[in-house]
Amino acid sequence: MPGKIIKLDGTLQGTPINLLGVSGGEIKLGPAGFAFKIADQPVASNATLFMQVLDITGAALTPRMAVQTYADCQRNFILLNVKATLRQNPTFFPMIRK
């Protein structure tokens, strides 16, 4: 999904986080790769940071997804794979034949 807006918001150790990026901005991570630097050292958080994919107009393409971070150097890089899927509640129309 290159060219989509990636929003990261919430708090990290009480500090507000509100970042925007573009998918495809970090090509070394893949064709739609993106990256955010949120701290100078590893910091643990659980359900205080959220990521969301938006279209170019700012309309949400995904729900807000909680991102967990860790305080140890072994896990200070988080790789998220976002895949396009069918709508959760697709609409089906009946087929009428004679």
N, C-alpha and C. Protein backbone atom coordinates (compact mmCIF):
# COMPACT_ATOMS: atom_id res chain seq x y z
N MET A 1 0.81 -1.18 0.00
CA MET A 1 0.00 0.00 0.00
C MET A 1 0.87 1.26 0.00
N PRO A 2 1.76 1.43 -0.94
CA PRO A 2 2.55 2.66 -0.97
C PRO A 2 1.67 3.88 -1.21
N GLY A 3 2.10 5.02 -0.66
CA GLY A 3 1.37 6.27 -0.86
C GLY A 3 0.24 6.51 0.11
N LYS A 4 0.12 5.68 1.13
CA LYS A 4 -0.91 5.89 2.17
C LYS A 4 -0.30 6.67 3.32
N ILE A 5 -1.14 7.37 4.05
CA ILE A 5 -0.69 8.13 5.22
C ILE A 5 -0.74 7.19 6.43
N ILE A 6 0.34 7.16 7.20
CA ILE A 6 0.41 6.36 8.41
C ILE A 6 0.42 7.32 9.59
N LYS A 7 -0.53 7.14 10.49
CA LYS A 7 -0.65 8.01 11.66
C LYS A 7 -0.28 7.21 12.90
N LEU A 8 0.59 7.75 13.73
CA LEU A 8 0.95 7.16 15.01
C LEU A 8 0.64 8.19 16.08
N ASP A 9 -0.24 7.85 17.01
CA ASP A 9 -0.59 8.81 18.05
C ASP A 9 -0.82 8.10 19.37
N GLY A 10 -0.93 8.89 20.41
CA GLY A 10 -1.14 8.36 21.76
C GLY A 10 -0.15 9.02 22.70
N THR A 11 0.30 8.26 23.69
CA THR A 11 1.29 8.78 24.64
C THR A 11 2.38 7.73 24.86
N LEU A 12 3.55 8.21 25.19
CA LEU A 12 4.68 7.35 25.54
C LEU A 12 5.31 7.94 26.80
N GLN A 13 5.19 7.22 27.88
CA GLN A 13 5.64 7.69 29.20
C GLN A 13 5.04 9.06 29.53
N GLY A 14 3.77 9.24 29.20
CA GLY A 14 3.08 10.48 29.50
C GLY A 14 3.29 11.60 28.49
N THR A 15 4.17 11.41 27.53
CA THR A 15 4.44 12.42 26.51
C THR A 15 3.53 12.18 25.30
N PRO A 16 2.79 13.19 24.86
CA PRO A 16 1.94 13.02 23.69
C PRO A 16 2.75 12.72 22.43
N ILE A 17 2.26 11.78 21.64
CA ILE A 17 2.88 11.42 20.36
C ILE A 17 1.83 11.64 19.28
N ASN A 18 2.17 12.36 18.23
CA ASN A 18 1.27 12.59 17.10
C ASN A 18 2.14 12.73 15.85
N LEU A 19 2.37 11.60 15.16
CA LEU A 19 3.27 11.57 14.01
C LEU A 19 2.53 11.10 12.77
N LEU A 20 2.94 11.65 11.63
CA LEU A 20 2.41 11.22 10.33
C LEU A 20 3.58 10.80 9.45
N GLY A 21 3.37 9.76 8.66
CA GLY A 21 4.37 9.30 7.71
C GLY A 21 3.68 8.85 6.44
N VAL A 22 4.45 8.46 5.46
CA VAL A 22 3.90 8.00 4.19
C VAL A 22 4.44 6.60 3.92
N SER A 23 3.53 5.68 3.61
CA SER A 23 3.99 4.34 3.26
C SER A 23 4.79 4.43 1.97
N GLY A 24 5.92 3.74 1.95
CA GLY A 24 6.84 3.81 0.83
C GLY A 24 8.00 4.74 1.11
N GLY A 25 7.99 5.43 2.24
CA GLY A 25 9.06 6.36 2.59
C GLY A 25 10.33 5.69 3.06
N GLU A 26 10.26 4.42 3.44
CA GLU A 26 11.44 3.65 3.88
C GLU A 26 11.55 2.42 3.00
N ILE A 27 12.01 2.60 1.78
CA ILE A 27 12.05 1.54 0.78
C ILE A 27 12.87 0.33 1.23
N LYS A 28 13.87 0.54 2.11
CA LYS A 28 14.68 -0.59 2.59
C LYS A 28 13.86 -1.56 3.43
N LEU A 29 12.66 -1.13 3.87
CA LEU A 29 11.76 -2.00 4.62
C LEU A 29 10.71 -2.65 3.73
N GLY A 30 10.77 -2.39 2.44
CA GLY A 30 9.82 -2.95 1.50
C GLY A 30 9.16 -1.84 0.70
N PRO A 31 8.38 -2.19 -0.33
CA PRO A 31 7.81 -1.18 -1.22
C PRO A 31 6.86 -0.20 -0.51
N ALA A 32 6.27 -0.61 0.59
CA ALA A 32 5.38 0.28 1.34
C ALA A 32 5.93 0.55 2.74
N GLY A 33 7.24 0.40 2.90
CA GLY A 33 7.86 0.55 4.22
C GLY A 33 7.76 1.96 4.77
N PHE A 34 7.67 2.05 6.09
CA PHE A 34 7.64 3.33 6.78
C PHE A 34 8.29 3.14 8.14
N ALA A 35 8.75 4.23 8.75
CA ALA A 35 9.40 4.14 10.06
C ALA A 35 9.13 5.40 10.85
N PHE A 36 9.04 5.24 12.16
CA PHE A 36 8.92 6.36 13.10
C PHE A 36 9.95 6.18 14.19
N LYS A 37 10.64 7.25 14.56
CA LYS A 37 11.49 7.24 15.75
C LYS A 37 10.68 7.91 16.85
N ILE A 38 10.39 7.14 17.89
CA ILE A 38 9.52 7.67 18.94
C ILE A 38 10.25 7.97 20.24
N ALA A 39 11.50 7.49 20.38
CA ALA A 39 12.27 7.76 21.60
C ALA A 39 13.75 7.56 21.29
N ASP A 40 14.60 8.07 22.18
CA ASP A 40 16.04 7.91 22.02
C ASP A 40 16.56 6.64 22.65
N GLN A 41 15.73 5.96 23.44
CA GLN A 41 16.09 4.69 24.05
C GLN A 41 14.84 3.82 24.09
N PRO A 42 15.00 2.49 24.23
CA PRO A 42 13.83 1.61 24.29
C PRO A 42 12.94 1.96 25.49
N VAL A 43 11.63 2.03 25.24
CA VAL A 43 10.65 2.38 26.26
C VAL A 43 9.48 1.41 26.15
N ALA A 44 9.03 0.89 27.28
CA ALA A 44 7.89 -0.02 27.29
C ALA A 44 6.58 0.77 27.28
N SER A 45 5.63 0.26 26.51
CA SER A 45 4.27 0.81 26.52
C SER A 45 3.31 -0.31 26.13
N ASN A 46 2.10 -0.20 26.61
CA ASN A 46 1.09 -1.20 26.28
C ASN A 46 -0.25 -0.49 26.11
N ALA A 47 -0.74 -0.43 24.88
CA ALA A 47 -2.02 0.19 24.55
C ALA A 47 -2.06 1.69 24.86
N THR A 48 -0.91 2.37 24.70
CA THR A 48 -0.91 3.83 24.80
C THR A 48 -0.55 4.47 23.47
N LEU A 49 -0.03 3.68 22.53
CA LEU A 49 0.27 4.16 21.19
C LEU A 49 -0.62 3.44 20.19
N PHE A 50 -1.06 4.17 19.16
CA PHE A 50 -1.97 3.60 18.18
C PHE A 50 -1.54 4.00 16.78
N MET A 51 -1.66 3.05 15.85
CA MET A 51 -1.34 3.30 14.45
C MET A 51 -2.61 3.17 13.62
N GLN A 52 -2.71 3.99 12.59
CA GLN A 52 -3.86 3.93 11.69
C GLN A 52 -3.40 4.29 10.29
N VAL A 53 -3.96 3.61 9.29
CA VAL A 53 -3.66 3.91 7.89
C VAL A 53 -4.79 4.79 7.35
N LEU A 54 -4.42 5.89 6.71
CA LEU A 54 -5.37 6.85 6.16
C LEU A 54 -5.14 7.00 4.66
N ASP A 55 -6.17 7.41 3.94
CA ASP A 55 -5.94 7.73 2.53
C ASP A 55 -5.45 9.17 2.44
N ILE A 56 -5.18 9.64 1.25
CA ILE A 56 -4.59 10.97 1.05
C ILE A 56 -5.49 12.10 1.54
N THR A 57 -6.81 11.85 1.65
CA THR A 57 -7.73 12.87 2.15
C THR A 57 -7.87 12.83 3.67
N GLY A 58 -7.25 11.83 4.31
CA GLY A 58 -7.35 11.70 5.75
C GLY A 58 -8.44 10.74 6.21
N ALA A 59 -9.14 10.12 5.27
CA ALA A 59 -10.18 9.15 5.64
C ALA A 59 -9.50 7.85 6.11
N ALA A 60 -10.04 7.27 7.17
CA ALA A 60 -9.47 6.05 7.75
C ALA A 60 -9.65 4.86 6.81
N LEU A 61 -8.56 4.13 6.57
CA LEU A 61 -8.61 2.89 5.82
C LEU A 61 -8.54 1.68 6.75
N THR A 62 -8.08 1.90 7.99
CA THR A 62 -8.03 0.85 8.99
C THR A 62 -8.54 1.42 10.31
N PRO A 63 -8.94 0.57 11.23
CA PRO A 63 -9.22 1.06 12.58
C PRO A 63 -7.91 1.43 13.26
N ARG A 64 -7.97 2.15 14.37
CA ARG A 64 -6.76 2.43 15.16
C ARG A 64 -6.30 1.10 15.77
N MET A 65 -5.03 0.81 15.63
CA MET A 65 -4.47 -0.45 16.14
C MET A 65 -3.45 -0.15 17.22
N ALA A 66 -3.61 -0.78 18.39
CA ALA A 66 -2.65 -0.57 19.48
C ALA A 66 -1.29 -1.14 19.09
N VAL A 67 -0.24 -0.41 19.44
CA VAL A 67 1.14 -0.82 19.19
C VAL A 67 1.84 -0.95 20.54
N GLN A 68 2.40 -2.11 20.79
CA GLN A 68 3.12 -2.33 22.04
C GLN A 68 4.61 -2.12 21.80
N THR A 69 5.28 -1.42 22.72
CA THR A 69 6.73 -1.24 22.63
C THR A 69 7.37 -1.87 23.86
N TYR A 70 8.68 -2.08 23.78
CA TYR A 70 9.40 -2.81 24.82
C TYR A 70 10.61 -2.02 25.31
N ALA A 71 11.01 -2.27 26.55
CA ALA A 71 12.10 -1.52 27.17
C ALA A 71 13.47 -2.13 26.94
N ASP A 72 13.55 -3.27 26.26
CA ASP A 72 14.87 -3.89 26.07
C ASP A 72 15.35 -3.73 24.63
N CYS A 73 16.66 -3.68 24.48
CA CYS A 73 17.28 -3.43 23.16
C CYS A 73 17.05 -4.57 22.18
N GLN A 74 16.73 -5.76 22.66
CA GLN A 74 16.47 -6.89 21.77
C GLN A 74 15.18 -6.72 20.98
N ARG A 75 14.28 -5.84 21.47
CA ARG A 75 12.98 -5.67 20.81
C ARG A 75 12.66 -4.20 20.58
N ASN A 76 13.65 -3.40 20.18
CA ASN A 76 13.41 -1.97 20.00
C ASN A 76 13.02 -1.61 18.57
N PHE A 77 12.86 -2.60 17.71
CA PHE A 77 12.38 -2.37 16.34
C PHE A 77 11.12 -3.21 16.16
N ILE A 78 10.02 -2.57 15.83
CA ILE A 78 8.75 -3.27 15.68
C ILE A 78 8.36 -3.27 14.21
N LEU A 79 8.12 -4.44 13.67
CA LEU A 79 7.72 -4.58 12.28
C LEU A 79 6.23 -4.90 12.25
N LEU A 80 5.46 -4.04 11.60
CA LEU A 80 4.01 -4.25 11.47
C LEU A 80 3.68 -4.50 10.01
N ASN A 81 2.96 -5.55 9.74
CA ASN A 81 2.49 -5.84 8.39
C ASN A 81 0.99 -5.56 8.35
N VAL A 82 0.58 -4.65 7.49
CA VAL A 82 -0.83 -4.31 7.33
C VAL A 82 -1.25 -4.82 5.97
N LYS A 83 -2.27 -5.66 5.96
CA LYS A 83 -2.73 -6.25 4.71
C LYS A 83 -4.15 -5.79 4.42
N ALA A 84 -4.42 -5.50 3.16
CA ALA A 84 -5.78 -5.16 2.74
C ALA A 84 -6.62 -6.43 2.77
N THR A 85 -7.80 -6.35 3.35
CA THR A 85 -8.71 -7.49 3.42
C THR A 85 -10.10 -7.07 2.99
N LEU A 86 -10.98 -8.02 2.89
CA LEU A 86 -12.37 -7.71 2.59
C LEU A 86 -12.99 -6.96 3.75
N ARG A 87 -14.03 -6.21 3.49
CA ARG A 87 -14.74 -5.50 4.55
C ARG A 87 -15.21 -6.50 5.59
N GLN A 88 -15.31 -6.07 6.84
CA GLN A 88 -15.75 -6.95 7.92
C GLN A 88 -17.20 -7.36 7.75
N ASN A 89 -18.03 -6.50 7.23
CA ASN A 89 -19.45 -6.79 7.04
C ASN A 89 -19.83 -6.54 5.59
N PRO A 90 -19.42 -7.45 4.70
CA PRO A 90 -19.71 -7.20 3.28
C PRO A 90 -21.22 -7.26 3.02
N THR A 91 -21.63 -6.55 1.99
CA THR A 91 -23.04 -6.54 1.59
C THR A 91 -23.21 -7.51 0.43
N PHE A 92 -24.15 -8.43 0.57
CA PHE A 92 -24.45 -9.39 -0.48
C PHE A 92 -25.84 -9.09 -1.01
N PHE A 93 -25.99 -9.12 -2.32
CA PHE A 93 -27.30 -8.89 -2.93
C PHE A 93 -27.80 -10.22 -3.48
N PRO A 94 -29.09 -10.49 -3.32
CA PRO A 94 -29.62 -11.77 -3.84
C PRO A 94 -29.60 -11.79 -5.36
N MET A 95 -29.41 -12.97 -5.89
CA MET A 95 -29.43 -13.16 -7.33
C MET A 95 -30.79 -13.79 -7.67
N ILE A 96 -31.53 -13.14 -8.52
CA ILE A 96 -32.86 -13.63 -8.89
C ILE A 96 -32.80 -14.13 -10.32
N ARG A 97 -33.21 -15.38 -10.50
CA ARG A 97 -33.22 -15.97 -11.84
C ARG A 97 -34.62 -16.43 -12.17
N LYS A 98 -34.98 -16.38 -13.45
CA LYS A 98 -36.29 -16.87 -13.91
C LYS A 98 -36.14 -18.23 -14.47
